[in-house]
């Protein structure tokens, strides 16, 4: 099924060609030729009406895949001596009301996400005697504050390697004409990031890929900065080298919580594994999309990459990896529903699984997949349901099967400022909780303990839970 885009195929006389207009704007904004080529490829496919939706009828569930716990133990120094870590750090998490990089938010015990990532890598360096560089993919809005925070950790620097590279920016497109959208009231709203799939073009266009290869690094683990469970595992690095795997995606077994996440499937036409996201699913297949027991394996957004294979793939493709296009329909000013309707062309990082011959997936424990996307996740991470190891690894205190379900009222807890005000003394104890649901305006004193199944409600009036209260159910 083709995702039909209502556009003018041939702009009126005097109008600018969409491809030329986008190319001119991106070049004037200083975007790399690699990023421009990637965007032009996506735009041309949309112009041509090539299908951007993936019907369930064209897919079948992925076969059984290897598990991390079945991989053999290896010498960590040998496995990791040519590995680099790339963390995606371009977001502000505005959905949580943040105005700073998400990685600079306190994760727990006074440590930010960035502090813990740095600490984890330094501990691995010391234990395994490897260089293990940390490289961030920043955006224009995250670069300055992140590099300032990174300066507090001078020992993380790696000689001859920059600490970061910039992700690309692409123009939002007028939905009717596919020309770059204009919004003079706030020109910055005319641009958007092209999704995490941009990491490949940005690695190349920034020169970071060449720099890593020139400094002797062959492999990279790529993960989001909000997932503290995504630590480097020598067994996976050795697995890549031993099996000559160019691209590997970490996946978890699906649960009800994953129903809207991106899942792995096998394409019936050629047997290739692909990643399908919600935005790539036809409306009539949305029920099928949520059948997590059928699709089984879900993307963690933690990937392992053979950097030489990436360089070779770009050289062979003469224009880059042709990742599936995700078409998001929005307005140029997301806060103004009456502003110009636009298309944002994006790609998923994991979608590159279809671009590498011999790409693999690996089932990992859910402890490696603990992203913080909402204040529900943040409360759990900060609570005693988790603990910090001596190497600053974040682990469930009583095992992953015992982590409670958390659901906080979005109106009163969804934004970080409101969330902090309602937990002024920190999170309640959740290590013995199974389910914790809060609706309405509820605030909490110190020493509150949640045990079992607890549902709290504030009916109309604000409600305060006093210090040292035990709530059980």
Protein backbone atom coordinates (compact mmCIF):
# COMPACT_ATOMS: atom_id res chain seq x y z
CA UNK A 1 0.00 0.00 0.00
CA UNK A 2 1.28 3.46 -0.88
CA UNK A 3 1.03 6.28 1.61
CA UNK A 4 -0.70 8.80 -0.63
CA UNK A 5 0.79 12.29 -0.39
CA UNK A 6 -1.52 15.04 -1.60
CA UNK A 7 0.91 17.28 -3.46
CA UNK A 8 1.28 19.22 -6.67
CA UNK A 9 3.42 16.90 -8.82
CA UNK A 10 4.43 19.79 -11.05
CA UNK A 11 4.78 23.16 -9.30
CA UNK A 12 3.12 26.09 -10.99
CA UNK A 13 5.18 28.20 -13.41
CA UNK A 14 7.73 30.24 -11.50
CA UNK A 15 7.66 27.90 -8.51
CA UNK A 16 10.87 26.28 -7.40
CA UNK A 17 11.51 22.57 -7.89
CA UNK A 18 11.28 20.85 -4.47
CA UNK A 19 14.57 18.97 -4.83
CA UNK A 20 16.50 22.02 -5.98
CA UNK A 21 14.89 24.19 -3.32
CA UNK A 22 15.71 21.72 -0.53
CA UNK A 23 19.26 21.27 -1.77
CA UNK A 24 19.82 25.03 -1.91
CA UNK A 25 18.43 25.59 1.58
CA UNK A 26 20.41 22.77 3.17
CA UNK A 27 23.63 23.82 1.49
CA UNK A 28 23.13 27.42 2.60
CA UNK A 29 22.58 26.16 6.15
CA UNK A 30 25.92 24.35 6.10
CA UNK A 31 24.61 20.80 5.94
CA UNK A 32 26.99 18.17 4.58
CA UNK A 33 26.67 16.83 1.05
CA UNK A 34 26.10 13.38 2.56
CA UNK A 35 23.12 14.66 4.54
CA UNK A 36 21.78 16.48 1.49
CA UNK A 37 22.02 13.33 -0.64
CA UNK A 38 20.17 11.31 1.99
CA UNK A 39 17.36 13.86 2.22
CA UNK A 40 17.07 14.23 -1.55
CA UNK A 41 16.77 10.44 -1.88
CA UNK A 42 13.90 10.43 0.63
CA UNK A 43 12.19 13.40 -1.03
CA UNK A 44 12.43 11.88 -4.51
CA UNK A 45 10.85 8.66 -3.28
CA UNK A 46 7.98 10.60 -1.73
CA UNK A 47 7.55 12.61 -4.95
CA UNK A 48 7.43 9.39 -6.95
CA UNK A 49 4.71 7.97 -4.73
CA UNK A 50 6.83 5.02 -3.64
CA UNK A 51 5.17 3.15 -0.79
CA UNK A 52 6.19 4.34 2.66
CA UNK A 53 3.75 2.08 4.52
CA UNK A 54 4.43 -1.61 5.16
CA UNK A 55 1.31 -3.83 5.23
CA UNK A 56 1.28 -6.85 7.53
CA UNK A 57 0.42 -9.04 4.55
CA UNK A 58 3.93 -8.49 3.17
CA UNK A 59 5.61 -9.67 6.38
CA UNK A 60 6.03 -12.72 8.53
CA UNK A 61 7.42 -13.01 12.05
CA UNK A 62 11.19 -13.18 12.38
CA UNK A 63 12.60 -16.64 13.12
CA UNK A 64 14.21 -17.48 16.43
CA UNK A 65 17.39 -15.47 17.02
CA UNK A 66 20.49 -16.04 19.17
CA UNK A 67 20.47 -14.88 22.77
CA UNK A 68 23.16 -12.88 24.51
CA UNK A 69 23.30 -15.31 27.43
CA UNK A 70 24.21 -18.12 25.01
CA UNK A 71 27.27 -16.33 23.62
CA UNK A 72 30.60 -17.61 24.96
CA UNK A 73 32.71 -15.72 27.44
CA UNK A 74 35.64 -13.92 25.81
CA UNK A 75 38.79 -12.02 26.70
CA UNK A 76 37.38 -8.49 27.19
CA UNK A 77 40.57 -6.69 26.24
CA UNK A 78 40.82 -8.44 22.88
CA UNK A 79 37.09 -7.99 22.23
CA UNK A 80 36.94 -4.28 23.05
CA UNK A 81 40.30 -2.88 21.94
CA UNK A 82 38.82 -1.65 18.62
CA UNK A 83 35.34 -0.65 19.87
CA UNK A 84 33.97 2.90 20.22
CA UNK A 85 30.76 4.04 21.92
CA UNK A 86 28.39 6.46 20.18
CA UNK A 87 25.54 7.95 22.18
CA UNK A 88 22.69 9.86 20.52
CA UNK A 89 22.38 13.15 22.38
CA UNK A 90 20.39 15.49 20.16
CA UNK A 91 17.16 15.77 22.14
CA UNK A 92 15.75 18.11 24.77
CA UNK A 93 12.80 15.85 25.68
CA UNK A 94 10.39 18.74 25.31
CA UNK A 95 7.54 16.27 25.88
CA UNK A 96 8.70 16.25 29.53
CA UNK A 97 9.05 20.03 29.60
CA UNK A 98 12.85 20.03 29.48
CA UNK A 99 14.77 23.02 28.14
CA UNK A 100 18.20 21.43 28.53
CA UNK A 101 19.72 18.29 27.01
CA UNK A 102 17.99 15.24 28.35
CA UNK A 103 21.37 13.71 29.18
CA UNK A 104 21.94 16.50 31.72
CA UNK A 105 18.82 15.63 33.71
CA UNK A 106 19.49 13.95 37.05
CA UNK A 107 19.08 10.21 36.65
CA UNK A 108 19.64 9.21 40.28
CA UNK A 109 21.70 9.98 43.38
CA UNK A 110 22.88 13.32 42.06
CA UNK A 111 24.27 11.84 38.84
CA UNK A 112 23.03 12.95 35.43
CA UNK A 113 22.59 10.49 32.57
CA UNK A 114 25.83 11.82 31.10
CA UNK A 115 27.66 11.38 34.42
CA UNK A 116 26.62 7.72 34.58
CA UNK A 117 27.49 7.02 30.94
CA UNK A 118 30.93 8.53 31.46
CA UNK A 119 31.40 6.58 34.70
CA UNK A 120 30.39 3.30 33.08
CA UNK A 121 32.88 3.78 30.24
CA UNK A 122 35.72 4.80 32.54
CA UNK A 123 35.09 1.71 34.66
CA UNK A 124 35.19 -0.54 31.59
CA UNK A 125 38.38 1.14 30.39
CA UNK A 126 40.07 0.47 33.71
CA UNK A 127 38.80 -3.09 34.07
CA UNK A 128 39.53 -4.18 30.50
CA UNK A 129 42.56 -1.97 29.70
CA UNK A 130 41.04 -0.64 26.47
CA UNK A 131 40.68 2.90 25.01
CA UNK A 132 36.87 2.65 24.50
CA UNK A 133 36.20 6.25 23.34
CA UNK A 134 32.88 8.00 23.94
CA UNK A 135 31.53 10.05 21.03
CA UNK A 136 28.25 11.96 21.20
CA UNK A 137 25.94 12.82 18.31
CA UNK A 138 24.80 16.28 19.40
CA UNK A 139 22.44 18.81 17.86
CA UNK A 140 22.81 22.56 17.62
CA UNK A 141 20.74 22.96 20.79
CA UNK A 142 22.51 20.28 22.87
CA UNK A 143 26.13 20.74 21.82
CA UNK A 144 27.21 23.74 23.93
CA UNK A 145 25.71 22.71 27.30
CA UNK A 146 26.72 19.08 26.82
CA UNK A 147 30.35 19.88 26.01
CA UNK A 148 30.43 22.21 29.02
CA UNK A 149 29.20 19.38 31.23
CA UNK A 150 31.64 16.95 29.63
CA UNK A 151 34.49 19.29 30.58
CA UNK A 152 33.93 18.20 34.19
CA UNK A 153 35.14 14.73 33.10
CA UNK A 154 38.47 15.46 31.36
CA UNK A 155 39.57 11.84 31.74
CA UNK A 156 36.91 10.73 29.23
CA UNK A 157 38.66 12.52 26.34
CA UNK A 158 40.38 10.36 23.73
CA UNK A 159 43.46 11.68 21.92
CA UNK A 160 42.93 12.59 18.26
CA UNK A 161 39.15 12.14 18.50
CA UNK A 162 36.60 14.94 18.84
CA UNK A 163 34.09 14.38 21.65
CA UNK A 164 31.10 14.82 19.37
CA UNK A 165 29.72 15.37 15.89
CA UNK A 166 26.54 17.18 14.84
CA UNK A 167 23.36 15.58 13.59
CA UNK A 168 21.82 17.00 10.43
CA UNK A 169 18.90 19.35 10.01
CA UNK A 170 16.41 19.02 7.16
CA UNK A 171 13.64 21.36 6.00
CA UNK A 172 10.02 20.69 6.83
CA UNK A 173 8.07 20.43 3.59
CA UNK A 174 4.85 22.20 2.68
CA UNK A 175 2.37 19.34 2.50
CA UNK A 176 0.77 20.66 -0.71
CA UNK A 177 3.85 21.53 -2.79
CA UNK A 178 6.70 19.63 -1.10
CA UNK A 179 8.67 22.89 -1.15
CA UNK A 180 10.59 23.82 2.02
CA UNK A 181 8.08 25.36 4.41
CA UNK A 182 8.40 29.01 5.36
CA UNK A 183 7.48 30.46 8.77
CA UNK A 184 8.94 33.99 9.09
CA UNK A 185 7.53 34.40 12.61
CA UNK A 186 9.95 31.71 13.83
CA UNK A 187 12.36 30.60 11.09
CA UNK A 188 13.90 27.94 13.32
CA UNK A 189 10.59 26.06 13.09
CA UNK A 190 11.19 25.56 9.37
CA UNK A 191 13.72 22.85 10.24
CA UNK A 192 13.59 19.45 11.94
CA UNK A 193 15.96 16.57 12.70
CA UNK A 194 15.66 13.67 10.24
CA UNK A 195 15.37 10.96 12.86
CA UNK A 196 18.01 8.70 14.37
CA UNK A 197 18.64 7.17 10.95
CA UNK A 198 20.66 10.32 10.30
CA UNK A 199 23.50 8.92 12.41
CA UNK A 200 25.02 7.18 9.38
CA UNK A 201 25.07 10.22 7.09
CA UNK A 202 26.25 12.44 9.95
CA UNK A 203 29.08 10.09 10.87
CA UNK A 204 30.32 10.33 7.30
CA UNK A 205 29.50 13.96 6.55
CA UNK A 206 31.13 15.19 9.77
CA UNK A 207 34.33 13.26 9.15
CA UNK A 208 33.86 11.29 12.38
CA UNK A 209 33.74 7.93 10.58
CA UNK A 210 37.11 8.57 8.94
CA UNK A 211 38.52 9.78 12.24
CA UNK A 212 37.43 6.60 14.05
CA UNK A 213 38.83 4.36 11.34
CA UNK A 214 42.08 6.31 11.11
CA UNK A 215 42.53 5.87 14.86
CA UNK A 216 42.16 2.11 14.64
CA UNK A 217 38.54 1.64 15.68
CA UNK A 218 36.63 -0.98 13.69
CA UNK A 219 33.33 -1.32 15.57
CA UNK A 220 30.85 1.00 17.29
CA UNK A 221 28.02 0.45 19.72
CA UNK A 222 25.30 3.07 19.17
CA UNK A 223 22.59 3.75 21.75
CA UNK A 224 20.35 6.51 23.09
CA UNK A 225 21.68 8.65 25.93
CA UNK A 226 18.57 7.98 28.03
CA UNK A 227 19.10 4.20 28.11
CA UNK A 228 21.49 3.48 30.98
CA UNK A 229 21.06 -0.26 30.52
CA UNK A 230 22.85 -0.10 27.16
CA UNK A 231 26.36 -0.85 28.38
CA UNK A 232 29.14 -2.31 26.26
CA UNK A 233 29.31 -6.10 26.44
CA UNK A 234 32.54 -7.77 25.22
CA UNK A 235 30.61 -10.90 24.15
CA UNK A 236 28.65 -8.91 21.56
CA UNK A 237 31.77 -7.22 20.19
CA UNK A 238 33.50 -10.60 19.86
CA UNK A 239 30.37 -12.03 18.20
CA UNK A 240 30.54 -9.33 15.51
CA UNK A 241 34.20 -10.00 14.79
CA UNK A 242 33.92 -13.79 14.91
CA UNK A 243 30.87 -13.97 12.62
CA UNK A 244 31.88 -11.01 10.41
CA UNK A 245 28.57 -9.29 11.13
CA UNK A 246 28.28 -5.82 9.55
CA UNK A 247 25.23 -4.69 11.55
CA UNK A 248 23.61 -6.08 14.66
CA UNK A 249 20.47 -4.92 16.44
CA UNK A 250 19.78 -5.75 20.07
CA UNK A 251 16.16 -6.86 20.49
CA UNK A 252 13.95 -7.86 23.41
CA UNK A 253 11.03 -10.24 23.61
CA UNK A 254 7.83 -8.26 23.26
CA UNK A 255 5.46 -7.53 26.12
CA UNK A 256 2.20 -5.60 26.26
CA UNK A 257 4.26 -2.47 26.96
CA UNK A 258 6.01 -2.84 23.58
CA UNK A 259 2.88 -3.02 21.41
CA UNK A 260 3.49 0.41 19.88
CA UNK A 261 7.23 -0.03 19.50
CA UNK A 262 9.18 -0.90 16.39
CA UNK A 263 9.29 -4.62 15.74
CA UNK A 264 11.44 -6.86 13.58
CA UNK A 265 9.81 -8.89 10.82
CA UNK A 266 10.88 -10.85 7.78
CA UNK A 267 9.85 -9.57 4.37
CA UNK A 268 8.06 -12.29 2.41
CA UNK A 269 9.40 -11.12 -0.96
CA UNK A 270 13.08 -11.70 -0.24
CA UNK A 271 13.41 -13.06 3.30
CA UNK A 272 15.26 -9.95 4.57
CA UNK A 273 14.77 -8.76 8.11
CA UNK A 274 13.28 -5.28 8.39
CA UNK A 275 12.18 -2.88 11.12
CA UNK A 276 8.59 -1.64 11.07
CA UNK A 277 7.52 1.39 13.12
CA UNK A 278 3.99 2.57 13.97
CA UNK A 279 4.25 5.42 11.45
CA UNK A 280 4.98 2.87 8.69
CA UNK A 281 1.85 0.82 9.35
CA UNK A 282 -1.35 1.21 7.28
CA UNK A 283 -4.36 2.22 9.40
CA UNK A 284 -6.14 -1.06 8.68
CA UNK A 285 -3.13 -2.99 10.07
CA UNK A 286 -2.77 -1.16 13.38
CA UNK A 287 -4.46 -3.99 15.28
CA UNK A 288 -2.06 -6.46 13.71
CA UNK A 289 0.87 -4.18 14.56
CA UNK A 290 0.09 -4.43 18.29
CA UNK A 291 0.16 -8.26 18.33
CA UNK A 292 3.38 -8.47 20.30
CA UNK A 293 3.18 -12.25 20.73
CA UNK A 294 3.16 -12.63 16.96
CA UNK A 295 5.99 -10.26 16.09
CA UNK A 296 7.98 -11.26 19.18
CA UNK A 297 11.16 -9.19 18.77
CA UNK A 298 11.30 -5.46 19.45
CA UNK A 299 14.00 -2.91 18.65
CA UNK A 300 15.93 -1.51 21.64
CA UNK A 301 17.63 1.23 19.58
CA UNK A 302 20.98 -0.27 20.62
CA UNK A 303 23.01 -1.21 17.57
CA UNK A 304 26.47 -2.56 16.79
CA UNK A 305 28.15 -1.52 13.58
CA UNK A 306 31.19 -2.56 11.57
CA UNK A 307 32.54 0.87 10.63
CA UNK A 308 34.42 -0.50 7.64
CA UNK A 309 31.19 -2.04 6.35
CA UNK A 310 29.45 1.33 6.75
CA UNK A 311 32.17 3.09 4.75
CA UNK A 312 32.04 0.42 2.05
CA UNK A 313 28.24 0.57 1.92
CA UNK A 314 28.24 4.31 1.34
CA UNK A 315 30.94 4.05 -1.31
CA UNK A 316 29.02 1.32 -3.13
CA UNK A 317 25.65 3.06 -2.88
CA UNK A 318 27.06 6.33 -4.26
CA UNK A 319 24.72 8.48 -2.21
CA UNK A 320 24.31 6.58 1.00
CA UNK A 321 22.07 4.01 2.60
CA UNK A 322 18.54 4.20 1.23
CA UNK A 323 16.65 3.91 4.50
CA UNK A 324 12.86 3.54 4.44
CA UNK A 325 11.13 6.92 4.69
CA UNK A 326 8.85 7.70 7.62
CA UNK A 327 6.40 10.48 6.71
CA UNK A 328 5.16 12.45 9.71
CA UNK A 329 2.34 14.93 9.14
CA UNK A 330 2.43 17.95 11.44
CA UNK A 331 2.06 21.73 11.34
CA UNK A 332 5.10 23.94 10.89
CA UNK A 333 4.47 25.38 14.36
CA UNK A 334 3.53 22.33 16.45
CA UNK A 335 1.81 24.61 19.00
CA UNK A 336 -0.39 26.23 16.32
CA UNK A 337 -2.75 23.75 14.63
CA UNK A 338 -3.72 26.51 12.19
CA UNK A 339 -0.18 26.92 10.84
CA UNK A 340 0.98 25.45 7.54
CA UNK A 341 0.53 21.66 7.29
CA UNK A 342 3.94 20.09 6.70
CA UNK A 343 5.61 16.76 6.12
CA UNK A 344 8.64 15.77 8.14
CA UNK A 345 10.69 13.08 6.41
CA UNK A 346 12.49 10.90 8.90
CA UNK A 347 14.24 7.55 9.08
CA UNK A 348 14.83 5.06 11.89
CA UNK A 349 18.36 4.08 12.88
CA UNK A 350 17.37 0.42 13.07
CA UNK A 351 15.94 0.52 9.55
CA UNK A 352 19.50 0.08 8.28
CA UNK A 353 19.10 -3.62 9.09
CA UNK A 354 17.71 -3.94 5.55
CA UNK A 355 20.73 -2.21 4.02
CA UNK A 356 23.49 -4.56 5.21
CA UNK A 357 23.84 -8.01 3.71
CA UNK A 358 24.34 -10.37 6.62
CA UNK A 359 22.76 -8.08 9.25
CA UNK A 360 21.71 -9.90 12.41
CA UNK A 361 19.64 -9.46 15.54
CA UNK A 362 20.46 -10.61 19.06
CA UNK A 363 17.96 -11.14 21.87
CA UNK A 364 19.13 -9.41 25.04
CA UNK A 365 17.74 -9.27 28.59
CA UNK A 366 15.32 -6.45 29.25
CA UNK A 367 17.80 -4.97 31.73
CA UNK A 368 19.64 -3.64 28.66
CA UNK A 369 16.52 -1.77 27.53
CA UNK A 370 15.48 0.81 30.13
CA UNK A 371 14.96 4.11 28.28
CA UNK A 372 13.48 7.09 30.12
CA UNK A 373 10.77 8.53 27.88
CA UNK A 374 8.32 9.77 30.53
CA UNK A 375 8.31 10.86 34.15
CA UNK A 376 6.85 7.40 34.95
CA UNK A 377 10.16 5.92 33.77
CA UNK A 378 12.14 8.58 35.64
CA UNK A 379 10.39 7.88 38.95
CA UNK A 380 11.18 4.19 38.64
CA UNK A 381 14.82 4.84 37.72
CA UNK A 382 15.32 7.17 40.70
CA UNK A 383 13.65 4.82 43.16
CA UNK A 384 15.03 1.95 45.20
CA UNK A 385 13.64 -0.48 42.63
CA UNK A 386 17.02 0.14 40.99
CA UNK A 387 20.51 0.28 42.45
CA UNK A 388 23.87 1.63 41.31
CA UNK A 389 26.85 -0.71 41.24
CA UNK A 390 30.39 0.34 42.06
CA UNK A 391 30.94 0.76 38.29
CA UNK A 392 27.84 3.00 38.04
CA UNK A 393 25.82 0.35 36.25
CA UNK A 394 22.08 0.70 36.85
CA UNK A 395 20.50 -2.63 37.82
CA UNK A 396 17.07 -3.70 39.09
CA UNK A 397 17.42 -4.22 42.83
CA UNK A 398 15.44 -7.47 42.81
CA UNK A 399 15.67 -8.59 39.18
CA UNK A 400 13.88 -7.27 36.07
CA UNK A 401 10.83 -9.46 36.59
CA UNK A 402 10.07 -7.60 39.81
CA UNK A 403 10.04 -4.03 38.47
CA UNK A 404 6.68 -2.42 39.18
CA UNK A 405 4.29 -0.88 36.68
CA UNK A 406 4.11 2.92 37.12
CA UNK A 407 1.42 5.24 35.78
CA UNK A 408 1.33 8.87 36.91
CA UNK A 409 -1.35 11.41 36.01
CA UNK A 410 0.05 13.18 32.92
CA UNK A 411 -1.64 16.48 33.77
CA UNK A 412 0.00 16.77 37.18
CA UNK A 413 3.19 14.74 36.73
CA UNK A 414 3.95 14.78 33.00
CA UNK A 415 6.18 17.87 33.02
CA UNK A 416 9.44 17.67 34.92
CA UNK A 417 8.84 20.81 37.05
CA UNK A 418 5.43 19.56 38.20
CA UNK A 419 6.87 16.11 38.81
CA UNK A 420 9.67 17.47 41.00
CA UNK A 421 7.27 19.61 43.03
CA UNK A 422 5.18 16.57 43.93
CA UNK A 423 8.19 14.54 45.05
CA UNK A 424 10.21 17.21 46.93
CA UNK A 425 11.91 14.61 49.12
CA UNK A 426 12.57 12.21 46.28
CA UNK A 427 10.67 9.13 45.11
CA UNK A 428 8.81 6.82 47.46
CA UNK A 429 10.15 3.35 48.09
CA UNK A 430 9.05 1.12 45.19
CA UNK A 431 11.15 -2.01 45.72
CA UNK A 432 8.14 -3.91 47.09
CA UNK A 433 5.60 -2.36 44.71
CA UNK A 434 3.91 -4.27 41.91
CA UNK A 435 1.68 -1.55 40.51
CA UNK A 436 1.58 2.17 41.37
CA UNK A 437 -1.07 4.35 39.71
CA UNK A 438 -1.73 7.98 40.61
CA UNK A 439 -4.54 10.15 39.27
CA UNK A 440 -5.12 13.76 40.22
CA UNK A 441 -3.02 16.25 42.18
CA UNK A 442 -1.15 14.14 44.75
CA UNK A 443 2.10 15.11 46.47
CA UNK A 444 4.37 12.97 48.60
CA UNK A 445 6.35 13.49 51.80
CA UNK A 446 9.61 11.75 52.70
CA UNK A 447 9.89 8.08 53.56
CA UNK A 448 6.69 7.02 51.80
CA UNK A 449 6.59 3.28 51.05
CA UNK A 450 4.56 1.67 48.27
CA UNK A 451 3.94 -2.09 48.55
CA UNK A 452 1.89 -4.35 46.31
CA UNK A 453 -0.84 -2.80 44.15
CA UNK A 454 -1.53 0.84 45.05
CA UNK A 455 -3.94 3.18 43.27
CA UNK A 456 -4.18 6.76 44.53
CA UNK A 457 -6.66 9.42 43.49
CA UNK A 458 -7.24 13.05 44.38
CA UNK A 459 -10.89 13.82 43.79
CA UNK A 460 -11.01 17.50 42.97
CA UNK A 461 -8.84 18.74 45.85
CA UNK A 462 -5.04 18.33 46.11
CA UNK A 463 -4.00 15.42 48.31
CA UNK A 464 -0.77 15.05 50.30
CA UNK A 465 0.71 11.76 51.48
CA UNK A 466 2.39 12.38 54.83
CA UNK A 467 5.96 11.45 55.74
CA UNK A 468 6.67 7.78 56.45
CA UNK A 469 3.27 6.59 55.23
CA UNK A 470 2.99 2.93 54.21
CA UNK A 471 0.62 2.41 51.28
CA UNK A 472 -0.11 -1.21 50.44
CA UNK A 473 -2.68 -3.14 48.55
